Amino acid sequence: MHNCGSDVADWRHAAADAGFGFGWKVVNRMPERAAYSTFQRIADRSWAQHGAGVQQLERNLRRVRPELSYDELRQLSRAGMRSYFRYWCDAFRLPSWSHERIVNSVRVEGEEHLIAAKAAGKGAVLPLAHSGNWDHGGAWLALTHGRLVTVAERLKPESVYRKFLAYRNALGIEILPLGEPVIVRDLLRALQENAFVPLLADRDLSHNGVEVTLFGEVTKIPPGPAVLALISGSPLLPASLHYEGEKLVIRIHSPIPLPATGTRADKVAALSQAYIDVIATGIAAHPEDWHMMQPLWLSDLAPRKISP
């Protein structure tokens, strides 16, 4: 029997593959001003359509800035969409940037924490939010402070995932696919070898997250950063990223002390809440650069009851 569902999935995968291929080949070659202005127009058009992704972004931003009027929230989500599409334009153009440009287009606060971690010889775990451009931040970190190993969701189709893998590898970022059974072992080995391990940590993709309170509501985040820090003894350095004009700003926060007492589960819960509290300060300061267009809080993830 002919499987229409399979045909649709194949078509979507082919479209995604073609779209990313177009981005890396064509956007990369466009004049810079034209590329960014084009992506800004696409962002404005997407925002004006007010589809599901923009509506979810606004629901998320409402938690961060509950005092805003509807019109103010709409303007914040417009800035958010422009930031999100700037990330994509950056992503398509970064492979052609020189090492000097990658480094010089970043401003760093708290770099002394990275230097101290490297000197101590155990690397560091850096939990961060989906804010600014983490690929650019990772490339800066790899170029200025040495080896970097992180985790990424395995995208579909496989051809798109391989394009992302090649792109990030070219920036000096080593990628381990999310869900691999030996991933914790490999990350611990990287820390033992004095590598940095930045991890996107504001959204749980594994369904094994730890409950925390974020902006007054319960959500789940990955336990990985806390688990790795506890096992390895490596410092836990939350990082915040945002755009400031043409620069990416990276703030490396002070190390979070590891709990001395309690069960492993208690320690993971305490550390997870501690680092998400720090990350939240960065989101609150620059909510327009937080690219969270998926349901995040448990109240948004819970199945909605249908009235009889």
Protein backbone atom coordinates (compact mmCIF):
# COMPACT_ATOMS: atom_id res chain seq x y z
CA MET A 1 0.00 0.00 0.00
CA HIS A 2 1.29 3.48 -0.85
CA ASN A 3 2.30 5.35 2.31
CA CYS A 4 1.30 9.01 1.94
CA GLY A 5 2.67 9.83 5.38
CA SER A 6 6.06 8.53 4.37
CA ASP A 7 5.95 10.64 1.19
CA VAL A 8 5.21 13.78 3.22
CA ALA A 9 8.06 13.02 5.64
CA ASP A 10 10.44 12.39 2.73
CA TRP A 11 9.37 15.65 1.11
CA ARG A 12 9.94 17.61 4.32
CA HIS A 13 13.37 16.04 4.81
CA ALA A 14 14.32 16.84 1.22
CA ALA A 15 13.08 20.42 1.64
CA ALA A 16 15.06 20.82 4.86
CA ASP A 17 18.19 19.45 3.21
CA ALA A 18 17.77 21.77 0.23
CA GLY A 19 17.06 24.75 2.49
CA PHE A 20 20.18 24.30 4.59
CA GLY A 21 22.24 23.63 1.49
CA PHE A 22 20.92 26.83 -0.06
CA GLY A 23 21.71 28.73 3.13
CA TRP A 24 25.33 27.66 3.33
CA LYS A 25 25.99 28.08 -0.39
CA VAL A 26 24.00 31.20 -1.25
CA VAL A 27 23.58 33.25 1.95
CA ASN A 28 27.28 32.79 2.60
CA ARG A 29 28.08 34.51 -0.71
CA MET A 30 25.61 37.40 -0.50
CA PRO A 31 26.87 40.89 0.31
CA GLU A 32 26.79 41.13 4.09
CA ARG A 33 24.36 44.03 4.39
CA ALA A 34 21.99 42.43 1.89
CA ALA A 35 22.08 39.09 3.72
CA TYR A 36 21.24 40.52 7.13
CA SER A 37 18.58 42.90 5.82
CA THR A 38 16.97 39.98 3.97
CA PHE A 39 16.84 37.89 7.13
CA GLN A 40 15.42 40.83 9.05
CA ARG A 41 12.62 41.18 6.51
CA ILE A 42 11.89 37.46 6.79
CA ALA A 43 11.81 37.84 10.58
CA ASP A 44 9.35 40.74 10.36
CA ARG A 45 7.13 38.83 7.97
CA SER A 46 7.13 35.78 10.22
CA TRP A 47 6.37 37.96 13.25
CA ALA A 48 3.49 39.72 11.46
CA GLN A 49 1.91 36.38 10.54
CA HIS A 50 1.77 35.58 14.27
CA GLY A 51 1.92 31.85 13.80
CA ALA A 52 2.27 29.13 16.43
CA GLY A 53 6.00 29.66 16.97
CA VAL A 54 5.64 33.40 17.57
CA GLN A 55 2.66 32.83 19.86
CA GLN A 56 4.68 30.35 21.93
CA LEU A 57 7.61 32.76 22.04
CA GLU A 58 5.23 35.38 23.45
CA ARG A 59 3.88 32.95 26.04
CA ASN A 60 7.45 32.27 27.13
CA LEU A 61 8.42 35.95 27.16
CA ARG A 62 5.30 36.73 29.22
CA ARG A 63 6.87 34.70 32.07
CA VAL A 64 10.05 36.75 31.81
CA ARG A 65 8.35 40.15 31.54
CA PRO A 66 4.87 39.76 33.09
CA GLU A 67 4.48 43.53 33.51
CA LEU A 68 4.40 44.26 29.76
CA SER A 69 1.25 45.35 27.98
CA TYR A 70 0.12 43.32 24.97
CA ASP A 71 1.58 45.87 22.55
CA GLU A 72 4.87 45.94 24.47
CA LEU A 73 5.00 42.14 24.43
CA ARG A 74 4.41 42.17 20.68
CA GLN A 75 7.31 44.56 20.17
CA LEU A 76 9.54 42.35 22.34
CA SER A 77 8.61 39.28 20.30
CA ARG A 78 9.41 41.23 17.11
CA ALA A 79 12.88 41.96 18.47
CA GLY A 80 13.09 38.29 19.44
CA MET A 81 12.30 37.12 15.91
CA ARG A 82 14.90 39.49 14.48
CA SER A 83 17.47 38.10 16.91
CA TYR A 84 16.48 34.53 16.03
CA PHE A 85 16.88 35.13 12.28
CA ARG A 86 20.14 36.96 12.91
CA TYR A 87 21.35 33.74 14.54
CA TRP A 88 20.53 31.85 11.33
CA CYS A 89 22.18 34.43 9.09
CA ASP A 90 25.24 34.23 11.34
CA ALA A 91 25.14 30.44 11.15
CA PHE A 92 25.17 30.43 7.36
CA ARG A 93 27.98 33.00 7.19
CA LEU A 94 30.24 31.98 10.09
CA PRO A 95 32.12 29.26 8.15
CA SER A 96 33.59 31.95 5.91
CA TRP A 97 34.62 34.28 8.74
CA SER A 98 38.31 34.54 9.53
CA HIS A 99 39.54 33.47 12.95
CA GLU A 100 40.32 37.11 13.65
CA ARG A 101 36.76 38.17 12.93
CA ILE A 102 35.28 35.38 15.06
CA VAL A 103 37.44 36.45 18.00
CA ASN A 104 37.24 40.22 17.54
CA SER A 105 33.45 40.27 17.18
CA VAL A 106 33.06 38.89 20.73
CA ARG A 107 33.20 40.81 24.00
CA VAL A 108 33.74 38.65 27.09
CA GLU A 109 32.99 39.32 30.73
CA GLY A 110 34.38 36.99 33.38
CA GLU A 111 37.08 35.45 31.17
CA GLU A 112 39.22 35.05 34.30
CA HIS A 113 36.98 32.13 35.32
CA LEU A 114 37.90 30.27 32.12
CA ILE A 115 41.59 30.97 32.67
CA ALA A 116 41.43 29.73 36.27
CA ALA A 117 39.57 26.57 35.23
CA LYS A 118 42.14 25.81 32.54
CA ALA A 119 44.98 26.33 35.00
CA ALA A 120 43.34 23.92 37.48
CA GLY A 121 43.44 21.20 34.80
CA LYS A 122 39.87 19.85 34.96
CA GLY A 123 38.25 21.92 32.23
CA ALA A 124 34.80 23.28 33.07
CA VAL A 125 31.12 22.61 32.50
CA LEU A 126 29.35 25.66 31.06
CA PRO A 127 25.53 25.49 31.13
CA LEU A 128 23.88 28.12 28.94
CA ALA A 129 20.53 29.12 27.48
CA HIS A 130 19.36 29.22 23.88
CA SER A 131 20.39 32.88 23.72
CA GLY A 132 22.50 34.91 21.30
CA ASN A 133 24.65 32.69 19.11
CA TRP A 134 26.11 29.70 20.92
CA ASP A 135 27.92 28.50 17.79
CA HIS A 136 29.77 31.80 17.56
CA GLY A 137 30.47 31.62 21.30
CA GLY A 138 31.76 28.07 20.97
CA ALA A 139 34.01 29.02 18.06
CA TRP A 140 35.44 31.90 20.10
CA LEU A 141 36.05 29.58 23.06
CA ALA A 142 37.76 26.93 20.93
CA LEU A 143 40.00 29.50 19.22
CA THR A 144 41.01 31.32 22.40
CA HIS A 145 41.05 28.68 25.15
CA GLY A 146 41.47 25.30 23.49
CA ARG A 147 39.45 22.14 23.08
CA LEU A 148 35.67 22.26 23.35
CA VAL A 149 33.31 19.27 23.41
CA THR A 150 29.53 19.57 23.45
CA VAL A 151 26.29 17.73 22.68
CA ALA A 152 23.78 18.37 19.91
CA GLU A 153 20.40 16.94 19.05
CA ARG A 154 20.54 14.59 16.07
CA LEU A 155 18.57 16.48 13.43
CA LYS A 156 16.45 14.93 10.72
CA PRO A 157 17.12 14.20 7.95
CA GLU A 158 20.57 12.72 8.52
CA SER A 159 21.98 14.84 5.69
CA VAL A 160 21.06 18.04 7.58
CA TYR A 161 22.61 16.69 10.77
CA ARG A 162 25.82 15.94 8.88
CA LYS A 163 25.86 19.48 7.47
CA PHE A 164 25.54 20.88 11.00
CA LEU A 165 28.24 18.51 12.21
CA ALA A 166 30.65 19.59 9.47
CA TYR A 167 29.82 23.25 10.10
CA ARG A 168 30.48 23.06 13.84
CA ASN A 169 33.58 20.89 13.41
CA ALA A 170 34.95 23.52 11.03
CA LEU A 171 34.52 26.08 13.82
CA GLY A 172 36.55 23.91 16.20
CA ILE A 173 33.57 22.48 18.08
CA GLU A 174 33.54 18.71 18.77
CA ILE A 175 29.99 17.33 18.76
CA LEU A 176 28.59 14.25 20.49
CA PRO A 177 25.05 13.26 19.39
CA LEU A 178 22.37 13.47 22.08
CA GLY A 179 21.13 10.07 23.25
CA GLU A 180 24.32 8.06 22.74
CA PRO A 181 24.70 5.57 25.64
CA VAL A 182 28.36 6.47 26.27
CA ILE A 183 27.89 10.21 26.16
CA VAL A 184 28.50 10.80 29.89
CA ARG A 185 31.68 8.73 29.75
CA ASP A 186 32.94 10.67 26.73
CA LEU A 187 32.17 14.05 28.32
CA LEU A 188 33.89 13.03 31.56
CA ARG A 189 36.93 11.98 29.57
CA ALA A 190 36.96 15.37 27.84
CA LEU A 191 36.87 17.12 31.23
CA GLN A 192 39.71 14.91 32.47
CA GLU A 193 41.66 16.07 29.42
CA ASN A 194 41.06 19.70 30.44
CA ALA A 195 38.48 20.45 27.75
CA PHE A 196 35.56 22.83 28.11
CA VAL A 197 32.05 21.34 27.95
CA PRO A 198 29.37 23.96 27.16
CA LEU A 199 25.85 22.55 27.23
CA LEU A 200 22.52 24.11 26.27
CA ALA A 201 20.67 23.60 29.51
CA ASP A 202 17.42 25.56 29.62
CA ARG A 203 15.23 22.94 27.93
CA ASP A 204 14.97 19.19 28.55
CA LEU A 205 14.99 17.04 25.41
CA SER A 206 15.51 13.68 27.10
CA HIS A 207 12.32 13.45 29.20
CA ASN A 208 14.61 12.66 32.14
CA GLY A 209 14.96 16.23 33.32
CA VAL A 210 15.13 17.55 36.85
CA GLU A 211 12.37 19.86 38.06
CA VAL A 212 13.33 23.46 38.76
CA THR A 213 11.56 26.78 39.16
CA LEU A 214 12.21 29.25 36.36
CA PHE A 215 10.59 32.69 36.48
CA GLY A 216 8.18 31.46 39.13
CA GLU A 217 6.94 28.34 37.33
CA VAL A 218 8.01 24.71 37.31
CA THR A 219 9.85 23.29 34.32
CA LYS A 220 12.42 20.56 33.68
CA ILE A 221 16.02 21.03 32.60
CA PRO A 222 18.77 18.54 31.76
CA PRO A 223 20.57 17.05 34.78
CA GLY A 224 23.75 16.65 32.70
CA PRO A 225 25.66 19.78 33.76
CA ALA A 226 25.14 19.07 37.46
CA VAL A 227 25.95 15.35 37.11
CA LEU A 228 29.16 16.03 35.18
CA ALA A 229 30.34 18.63 37.68
CA LEU A 230 29.63 16.36 40.64
CA ILE A 231 31.41 13.33 39.18
CA SER A 232 34.39 15.18 37.71
CA GLY A 233 34.88 17.91 40.29
CA SER A 234 35.20 20.33 37.37
CA PRO A 235 33.92 23.87 37.97
CA LEU A 236 30.36 24.68 36.94
CA LEU A 237 30.46 28.04 35.13
CA PRO A 238 27.06 29.26 33.86
CA ALA A 239 27.33 31.41 30.75
CA SER A 240 25.01 34.08 29.34
CA LEU A 241 25.09 35.25 25.71
CA HIS A 242 23.43 38.20 24.00
CA TYR A 243 23.90 40.52 21.07
CA GLU A 244 25.13 44.08 21.54
CA GLY A 245 25.25 45.94 18.23
CA GLU A 246 27.53 43.97 15.93
CA LYS A 247 29.16 42.08 18.79
CA LEU A 248 28.26 38.91 20.65
CA VAL A 249 28.64 39.38 24.40
CA ILE A 250 29.57 36.33 26.50
CA ARG A 251 29.36 36.56 30.26
CA ILE A 252 31.05 33.78 32.22
CA HIS A 253 29.57 33.74 35.71
CA SER A 254 31.37 32.79 38.91
CA PRO A 255 31.69 29.05 39.67
CA ILE A 256 28.76 27.53 41.53
CA PRO A 257 29.94 25.77 44.72
CA LEU A 258 29.36 22.02 44.70
CA PRO A 259 27.15 20.84 47.61
CA ALA A 260 29.01 18.97 50.34
CA THR A 261 26.07 17.07 51.82
CA GLY A 262 22.95 15.26 50.64
CA THR A 263 22.21 12.38 48.32
CA ARG A 264 23.31 12.43 44.69
CA ALA A 265 19.74 13.32 43.67
CA ASP A 266 19.61 16.15 46.21
CA LYS A 267 22.92 17.54 44.96
CA VAL A 268 21.84 17.37 41.32
CA ALA A 269 18.57 19.15 42.15
CA ALA A 270 20.34 21.86 44.16
CA LEU A 271 23.00 22.48 41.52
CA SER A 272 20.46 22.52 38.70
CA GLN A 273 18.34 25.11 40.50
CA ALA A 274 21.46 27.16 41.27
CA TYR A 275 22.67 27.33 37.68
CA ILE A 276 19.23 27.97 36.16
CA ASP A 277 18.81 30.87 38.59
CA VAL A 278 22.04 32.37 37.24
CA ILE A 279 21.07 31.72 33.61
CA ALA A 280 17.70 33.35 34.28
CA THR A 281 19.43 36.62 35.16
CA GLY A 282 20.93 36.69 31.66
CA ILE A 283 17.58 35.88 30.03
CA ALA A 284 15.84 38.58 32.06
CA ALA A 285 18.46 41.17 31.12
CA HIS A 286 18.19 40.40 27.38
CA PRO A 287 14.90 38.56 26.74
CA GLU A 288 14.89 39.56 23.06
CA ASP A 289 17.90 37.29 22.49
CA TRP A 290 16.33 34.20 24.10
CA HIS A 291 15.33 31.98 21.18
CA MET A 292 12.76 29.82 22.92
CA MET A 293 9.81 29.14 20.62
CA GLN A 294 8.90 25.74 22.06
CA PRO A 295 6.70 24.96 25.08
CA LEU A 296 8.97 24.99 28.10
CA TRP A 297 7.01 25.09 31.34
CA LEU A 298 5.11 22.05 32.55
CA SER A 299 1.84 24.00 32.47
CA ASP A 300 2.32 24.45 28.71
CA LEU A 301 3.40 20.85 28.17
CA ALA A 302 0.49 19.27 30.07
CA PRO A 303 -2.24 17.78 27.85
CA ARG A 304 -5.13 20.18 27.51
CA LYS A 305 -8.49 18.86 28.62
CA ILE A 306 -11.27 19.02 26.07
CA SER A 307 -14.51 20.33 27.46
CA PRO A 308 -17.48 17.99 27.04
